[in-house]
Structure formats: C-alpha cells, structure tokens
C-alpha atoms as a PDB file:
ATOM      1  CA  MET A   1      -6.650   9.125  -6.870  1.00  0.00           C
ATOM      2  CA  LEU A   2      -3.046   7.869  -7.183  1.00  0.00           C
ATOM      3  CA  LYS A   3      -2.469   4.191  -7.579  1.00  0.00           C
ATOM      4  CA  MET A   4       0.932   2.766  -7.123  1.00  0.00           C
ATOM      5  CA  LYS A   5       2.342  -0.681  -8.374  1.00  0.00           C
ATOM      6  CA  LEU A   6       3.809  -2.727  -5.918  1.00  0.00           C
ATOM      7  CA  SER A   7       7.463  -3.898  -6.435  1.00  0.00           C
ATOM      8  CA  LYS A   8       9.397  -6.617  -4.750  1.00  0.00           C
ATOM      9  CA  GLY A   9       9.831  -5.614  -0.855  1.00  0.00           C
ATOM     10  CA  ALA A  10       7.373  -2.890  -1.095  1.00  0.00           C
ATOM     11  CA  SER A  11       5.578  -2.614   2.338  1.00  0.00           C
ATOM     12  CA  THR A  12       2.616  -0.320   3.528  1.00  0.00           C
ATOM     13  CA  LYS A  13       5.115   1.148   5.913  1.00  0.00           C
ATOM     14  CA  ALA A  14       7.169   2.295   3.094  1.00  0.00           C
ATOM     15  CA  LEU A  15       4.537   3.641   1.098  1.00  0.00           C
ATOM     16  CA  ALA A  16       2.951   5.436   4.068  1.00  0.00           C
ATOM     17  CA  LEU A  17       6.376   7.308   4.837  1.00  0.00           C
ATOM     18  CA  LYS A  18       6.892   8.098   0.968  1.00  0.00           C
ATOM     19  CA  TYR A  19       3.164   9.537   0.627  1.00  0.00           C
ATOM     20  CA  GLY A  20       2.867  10.905   4.143  1.00  0.00           C
ATOM     21  CA  LEU A  21       0.170   8.506   5.043  1.00  0.00           C
ATOM     22  CA  THR A  22      -0.556   6.107   7.689  1.00  0.00           C
ATOM     23  CA  GLN A  23      -0.345   2.525   7.169  1.00  0.00           C
ATOM     24  CA  ALA A  24      -3.951   2.005   8.415  1.00  0.00           C
ATOM     25  CA  GLN A  25      -5.233   4.510   5.622  1.00  0.00           C
ATOM     26  CA  ILE A  26      -3.484   2.455   3.025  1.00  0.00           C
ATOM     27  CA  ARG A  27      -4.946  -0.747   4.126  1.00  0.00           C
ATOM     28  CA  ALA A  28      -8.505   0.629   4.728  1.00  0.00           C
ATOM     29  CA  TRP A  29      -8.408   2.030   1.122  1.00  0.00           C
ATOM     30  CA  ASN A  30      -7.151  -1.216  -0.333  1.00  0.00           C
ATOM     31  CA  LYS A  31      -9.091  -3.581   1.829  1.00  0.00           C
ATOM     32  CA  LEU A  32      -5.725  -5.161   3.076  1.00  0.00           C
ATOM     33  CA  TYR A  33      -7.132  -6.976   6.083  1.00  0.00           C
ATOM     34  CA  ASN A  34      -3.619  -9.100   5.995  1.00  0.00           C
ATOM     35  CA  LYS A  35      -0.634  -7.120   5.478  1.00  0.00           C
ATOM     36  CA  TYR A  36       1.043 -10.252   4.249  1.00  0.00           C
ATOM     37  CA  LEU A  37      -1.364 -10.571   1.431  1.00  0.00           C
ATOM     38  CA  MET A  38       0.135  -8.010  -0.940  1.00  0.00           C
ATOM     39  CA  LYS A  39       1.510  -9.415  -4.283  1.00  0.00           C
ATOM     40  CA  VAL A  40       4.301  -7.895  -6.445  1.00  0.00           C
ATOM     41  CA  GLY A  41       2.444  -6.396  -9.684  1.00  0.00           C
ATOM     42  CA  GLN A  42      -0.790  -5.550  -7.326  1.00  0.00           C
ATOM     43  CA  LYS A  43      -1.733  -1.765  -7.783  1.00  0.00           C
ATOM     44  CA  LEU A  44      -2.792  -0.053  -4.496  1.00  0.00           C
ATOM     45  CA  ARG A  45      -4.461   3.195  -3.869  1.00  0.00           C
ATOM     46  CA  VAL A  46      -2.254   5.831  -2.151  1.00  0.00           C
ATOM     47  CA  LYS A  47      -3.673   9.059  -2.202  1.00  0.00           C
END
C-alpha cells in the first residue's frame, strides 16, 4: 500500500493521472464521499 500526503492544490484527478488509477478508486479506498473534503496534510492511499 502506498500513501500520499496531500499538498495544496492536490486533487483526486491529478493523483489518478500520476498513478494510473481512476478517481473513483482513490475516493473509494479513502472513503471520500465528497471530493471537496480533502485537506492539506491528509494522507491518502493511492495503491
């Protein structure tokens, strides 16, 4: 499992493109039901 610490301006779209995933996968793995609830410094699972 790979985790990514969010920086200012990060988005699920940018992470999906960077790691070859879909936004839906990232949101599901991290239980992000509202894409606007991500915070700077939050750690997200990306693989």
